Amino acid sequence: MIQISHTQIALPASDPASPAHVSRSRRSSCRRAVTAAIGAALVSAAGLVALGGTANAEPLPTNALAFEVVATAREAMASLEEYDMTGDPVDLLQYKEERTETARLAAQQLGYGEVDMIRAWSSTPLAHQRAVLAAMSQVGVPYRTNTSEEGVGFDCSGLTTYAWARAGVELVRQSGSQINEAAPLDRTTAKAGDLAWYPGHVMMYLGVGDAIVHSVQRGRTVEIDTISERRTNSVRFGDPTV
């Protein structure tokens, strides 16, 4: 996939190199350049999908890519918020590029096929995408009991509550209640962003295999992870938007 430096495609509102007095023609030229660059990247990604995916690799150490994941997830969220306000297709294209990059990094972290993860995230409903990216933006934040505070700490249901609140969905602040109030799914119908639960712990499914993001336990952090093998058969899935 063609890589684009995020500093080169920063949103005008947050780019100090784009002062208000820049001429309309220059703004139009810059916007066309951004559109072309992002479009090329998306075409490249589409071509990758057409090839049928990439082979799984060895997983990386826990949260090895946390810094990159958090940065791209936040950029994606900012671009989507900008698109919500402007309706500008360039902002939507930029969002898709940053979402794709975040999914690619998550796949690399777990040793999963990049194309599978990219496809899972792009095909899930937009509310689910918002929730996934919100959770990914908190990777590395410490586990804290009875806490759901951005950049400070989360317990397991605190993370899912925070992530889904960013998508406009209010969840009950207890893991068992969250799964009980969600529409039941099985593994074959679960999507990226859906809840995954086993007794005493709730997670967010990433749409591929056993991939999840969750706030693990005391002494650990929000982590990109996989469902424990001993828990695989007892996991329930649910869609909190239904």
Protein backbone atom coordinates (compact mmCIF):
# COMPACT_ATOMS: atom_id res chain seq x y z
CA MET A 1 0.00 0.00 0.00
CA ILE A 2 1.26 3.44 -0.86
CA GLN A 3 2.17 5.35 2.26
CA ILE A 4 1.31 9.02 2.73
CA SER A 5 2.95 11.12 5.39
CA HIS A 6 0.18 12.28 7.72
CA THR A 7 1.99 15.57 8.24
CA GLN A 8 1.53 16.25 4.55
CA ILE A 9 -2.25 15.74 4.67
CA ALA A 10 -3.07 17.39 7.99
CA LEU A 11 -6.47 19.02 8.17
CA PRO A 12 -6.40 22.72 7.35
CA ALA A 13 -7.98 23.64 10.71
CA SER A 14 -5.02 22.19 12.60
CA ASP A 15 -2.28 22.95 10.12
CA PRO A 16 -0.23 26.03 11.07
CA ALA A 17 1.14 26.08 7.52
CA SER A 18 -2.34 26.92 6.17
CA PRO A 19 -3.07 30.54 7.25
CA ALA A 20 -6.42 32.13 6.57
CA HIS A 21 -5.02 34.52 3.98
CA VAL A 22 -4.01 31.77 1.55
CA SER A 23 -5.75 32.49 -1.75
CA ARG A 24 -8.78 30.50 -2.85
CA SER A 25 -6.94 29.24 -5.94
CA ARG A 26 -4.03 28.02 -3.83
CA ARG A 27 -6.42 26.27 -1.43
CA SER A 28 -8.10 24.58 -4.39
CA SER A 29 -4.75 23.42 -5.74
CA CYS A 30 -3.74 22.02 -2.36
CA ARG A 31 -7.05 20.23 -2.02
CA ARG A 32 -6.73 18.67 -5.47
CA ALA A 33 -3.25 17.46 -4.57
CA VAL A 34 -4.49 15.93 -1.34
CA THR A 35 -7.36 14.24 -3.18
CA ALA A 36 -5.01 12.75 -5.75
CA ALA A 37 -2.56 11.49 -3.13
CA ILE A 38 -5.21 9.89 -0.94
CA GLY A 39 -7.00 8.46 -3.97
CA ALA A 40 -3.80 6.79 -5.11
CA ALA A 41 -3.34 5.22 -1.70
CA LEU A 42 -6.90 3.92 -1.65
CA VAL A 43 -6.55 2.47 -5.15
CA SER A 44 -3.42 0.72 -3.97
CA ALA A 45 -5.29 -0.67 -0.96
CA ALA A 46 -8.11 -1.84 -3.21
CA GLY A 47 -5.61 -3.62 -5.40
CA LEU A 48 -4.18 -5.35 -2.37
CA VAL A 49 -7.63 -6.62 -1.44
CA ALA A 50 -8.10 -7.94 -4.96
CA LEU A 51 -4.98 -10.06 -4.54
CA GLY A 52 -6.74 -12.06 -1.84
CA GLY A 53 -4.94 -11.01 1.34
CA THR A 54 -1.61 -11.40 3.07
CA ALA A 55 -0.33 -14.33 5.07
CA ASN A 56 -0.29 -14.21 8.85
CA ALA A 57 3.02 -13.41 10.52
CA GLU A 58 4.40 -13.73 14.02
CA PRO A 59 2.69 -11.43 16.55
CA LEU A 60 4.72 -8.58 17.98
CA PRO A 61 5.37 -7.98 21.71
CA THR A 62 2.35 -6.59 23.53
CA ASN A 63 1.47 -3.06 22.31
CA ALA A 64 4.72 -2.79 20.35
CA LEU A 65 2.92 -0.50 17.88
CA ALA A 66 0.88 1.39 20.47
CA PHE A 67 2.32 4.81 19.63
CA GLU A 68 1.59 4.44 15.92
CA VAL A 69 -1.85 2.92 16.49
CA VAL A 70 -2.94 5.70 18.84
CA ALA A 71 -1.67 8.40 16.46
CA THR A 72 -3.43 7.05 13.37
CA ALA A 73 -6.63 6.25 15.26
CA ARG A 74 -6.81 9.83 16.55
CA GLU A 75 -6.12 11.22 13.09
CA ALA A 76 -8.90 9.05 11.65
CA MET A 77 -11.35 10.24 14.29
CA ALA A 78 -10.44 13.87 13.65
CA SER A 79 -10.89 13.45 9.89
CA LEU A 80 -14.28 11.79 10.35
CA GLU A 81 -15.40 14.61 12.65
CA GLU A 82 -14.22 17.10 10.05
CA TYR A 83 -16.21 15.27 7.38
CA ASP A 84 -19.30 15.33 9.62
CA MET A 85 -19.02 19.12 9.72
CA THR A 86 -18.02 19.83 6.11
CA GLY A 87 -19.37 16.97 4.01
CA ASP A 88 -16.19 17.41 1.96
CA PRO A 89 -15.25 14.18 0.09
CA VAL A 90 -11.57 14.95 0.68
CA ASP A 91 -12.11 14.66 4.43
CA LEU A 92 -13.87 11.32 3.89
CA LEU A 93 -11.02 10.03 1.72
CA GLN A 94 -8.53 11.12 4.34
CA TYR A 95 -10.53 9.33 7.03
CA LYS A 96 -10.56 6.11 4.99
CA GLU A 97 -6.81 6.26 4.49
CA GLU A 98 -6.17 6.74 8.21
CA ARG A 99 -8.67 4.04 9.17
CA THR A 100 -6.93 1.68 6.76
CA GLU A 101 -3.54 2.48 8.28
CA THR A 102 -4.85 1.87 11.81
CA ALA A 103 -6.29 -1.49 10.76
CA ARG A 104 -3.02 -2.42 9.08
CA LEU A 105 -1.06 -1.65 12.24
CA ALA A 106 -3.50 -3.68 14.36
CA ALA A 107 -3.02 -6.64 12.03
CA GLN A 108 0.75 -6.29 12.22
CA GLN A 109 0.58 -6.17 16.02
CA LEU A 110 -1.27 -9.49 16.14
CA GLY A 111 0.41 -11.18 13.19
CA TYR A 112 -2.90 -11.29 11.29
CA GLY A 113 -3.42 -10.72 7.58
CA GLU A 114 -3.52 -6.99 6.89
CA VAL A 115 -6.12 -7.22 4.13
CA ASP A 116 -8.49 -9.21 6.34
CA MET A 117 -8.34 -6.57 9.05
CA ILE A 118 -8.70 -3.68 6.59
CA ARG A 119 -11.72 -5.33 5.00
CA ALA A 120 -13.33 -6.08 8.39
CA TRP A 121 -13.08 -2.46 9.48
CA SER A 122 -14.20 -0.93 6.20
CA SER A 123 -17.27 -3.19 5.95
CA THR A 124 -18.57 -2.70 9.49
CA PRO A 125 -21.20 0.05 10.07
CA LEU A 126 -19.90 3.57 10.59
CA ALA A 127 -20.94 3.64 14.26
CA HIS A 128 -18.89 0.49 14.80
CA GLN A 129 -15.93 2.11 13.04
CA ARG A 130 -16.16 5.10 15.38
CA ALA A 131 -16.22 2.83 18.43
CA VAL A 132 -13.27 0.74 17.24
CA LEU A 133 -11.15 3.80 16.54
CA ALA A 134 -12.07 5.36 19.88
CA ALA A 135 -10.90 2.21 21.67
CA MET A 136 -7.73 2.06 19.59
CA SER A 137 -6.97 5.68 20.49
CA GLN A 138 -6.61 4.55 24.13
CA VAL A 139 -4.17 1.67 23.61
CA GLY A 140 -1.53 1.81 26.32
CA VAL A 141 -3.71 3.64 28.86
CA PRO A 142 -3.52 1.89 32.27
CA TYR A 143 -6.18 -0.41 33.67
CA ARG A 144 -7.97 1.29 36.55
CA THR A 145 -10.90 -0.18 38.44
CA ASN A 146 -14.19 1.72 38.18
CA THR A 147 -12.64 4.21 35.75
CA SER A 148 -13.62 5.32 32.27
CA GLU A 149 -11.56 8.41 31.56
CA GLU A 150 -9.77 9.19 28.31
CA GLY A 151 -6.01 9.08 28.68
CA VAL A 152 -6.25 8.27 32.41
CA GLY A 153 -7.58 4.78 32.92
CA PHE A 154 -10.24 2.18 32.13
CA ASP A 155 -11.52 -1.07 33.47
CA CYS A 156 -12.96 -3.48 30.90
CA SER A 157 -16.49 -2.10 30.76
CA GLY A 158 -15.12 1.40 31.17
CA LEU A 159 -13.33 1.08 27.83
CA THR A 160 -16.36 -0.25 25.95
CA THR A 161 -18.54 2.42 27.56
CA TYR A 162 -16.11 5.15 26.47
CA ALA A 163 -15.65 3.79 22.95
CA TRP A 164 -19.34 3.39 22.23
CA ALA A 165 -20.14 6.77 23.77
CA ARG A 166 -17.86 8.29 21.11
CA ALA A 167 -20.16 6.61 18.57
CA GLY A 168 -23.27 8.05 20.26
CA VAL A 169 -24.35 4.83 21.99
CA GLU A 170 -24.82 4.76 25.76
CA LEU A 171 -23.95 1.46 27.45
CA VAL A 172 -24.77 0.30 30.95
CA ARG A 173 -21.60 0.51 33.03
CA GLN A 174 -21.26 -3.21 33.81
CA SER A 175 -19.86 -5.98 31.62
CA GLY A 176 -22.64 -8.54 32.10
CA SER A 177 -25.35 -5.94 31.55
CA GLN A 178 -23.63 -4.71 28.39
CA ILE A 179 -23.69 -8.12 26.72
CA ASN A 180 -27.19 -8.93 27.99
CA GLU A 181 -28.59 -5.74 26.46
CA ALA A 182 -26.79 -6.24 23.13
CA ALA A 183 -28.35 -8.16 20.25
CA PRO A 184 -26.91 -11.72 20.37
CA LEU A 185 -24.52 -12.71 17.58
CA ASP A 186 -22.39 -15.73 16.86
CA ARG A 187 -18.78 -15.61 15.78
CA THR A 188 -19.70 -15.83 12.09
CA THR A 189 -21.92 -12.74 12.24
CA ALA A 190 -19.91 -10.65 14.74
CA LYS A 191 -18.42 -7.49 13.24
CA ALA A 192 -15.58 -5.18 14.12
CA GLY A 193 -16.78 -3.09 17.06
CA ASP A 194 -19.22 -5.63 18.47
CA LEU A 195 -18.88 -6.66 22.10
CA ALA A 196 -17.17 -9.90 23.02
CA TRP A 197 -17.76 -11.20 26.54
CA TYR A 198 -16.97 -14.05 28.87
CA PRO A 199 -17.99 -14.13 32.53
CA GLY A 200 -16.49 -11.13 34.28
CA HIS A 201 -14.86 -9.48 31.26
CA VAL A 202 -16.03 -7.53 28.21
CA MET A 203 -13.94 -6.72 25.14
CA MET A 204 -14.35 -5.14 21.71
CA TYR A 205 -14.09 -7.49 18.75
CA LEU A 206 -11.89 -6.40 15.82
CA GLY A 207 -13.69 -8.47 13.21
CA VAL A 208 -11.01 -11.07 12.39
CA GLY A 209 -10.25 -14.38 14.07
CA ASP A 210 -9.85 -13.87 17.82
CA ALA A 211 -8.66 -10.24 17.54
CA ILE A 212 -9.86 -7.86 20.25
CA VAL A 213 -8.98 -4.62 21.98
CA HIS A 214 -9.65 -4.51 25.73
CA SER A 215 -8.56 -3.15 29.07
CA VAL A 216 -7.03 -6.29 30.46
CA GLN A 217 -6.58 -6.29 34.21
CA ARG A 218 -4.87 -4.51 37.08
CA GLY A 219 -1.19 -3.96 36.33
CA ARG A 220 -1.76 -3.96 32.56
CA THR A 221 -3.21 -1.58 30.01
CA VAL A 222 -5.62 -1.21 27.11
CA GLU A 223 -4.16 -3.73 24.66
CA ILE A 224 -4.60 -5.07 21.14
CA ASP A 225 -4.89 -8.75 21.89
CA THR A 226 -6.54 -12.07 21.09
CA ILE A 227 -9.18 -13.96 23.07
CA SER A 228 -7.54 -16.45 25.39
CA GLU A 229 -7.68 -19.98 24.00
CA ARG A 230 -9.22 -21.29 27.20
CA ARG A 231 -12.02 -18.74 26.84
CA THR A 232 -12.75 -19.18 23.15
CA ASN A 233 -15.66 -21.57 23.56
CA SER A 234 -17.34 -19.51 26.27
CA VAL A 235 -17.28 -16.13 24.50
CA ARG A 236 -20.55 -14.41 23.65
CA PHE A 237 -20.83 -11.70 21.01
CA GLY A 238 -23.35 -8.87 20.83
CA ASP A 239 -24.20 -5.77 18.83
CA PRO A 240 -24.88 -2.85 21.20
CA THR A 241 -26.59 -0.78 18.51
CA VAL A 242 -29.57 -3.15 18.07
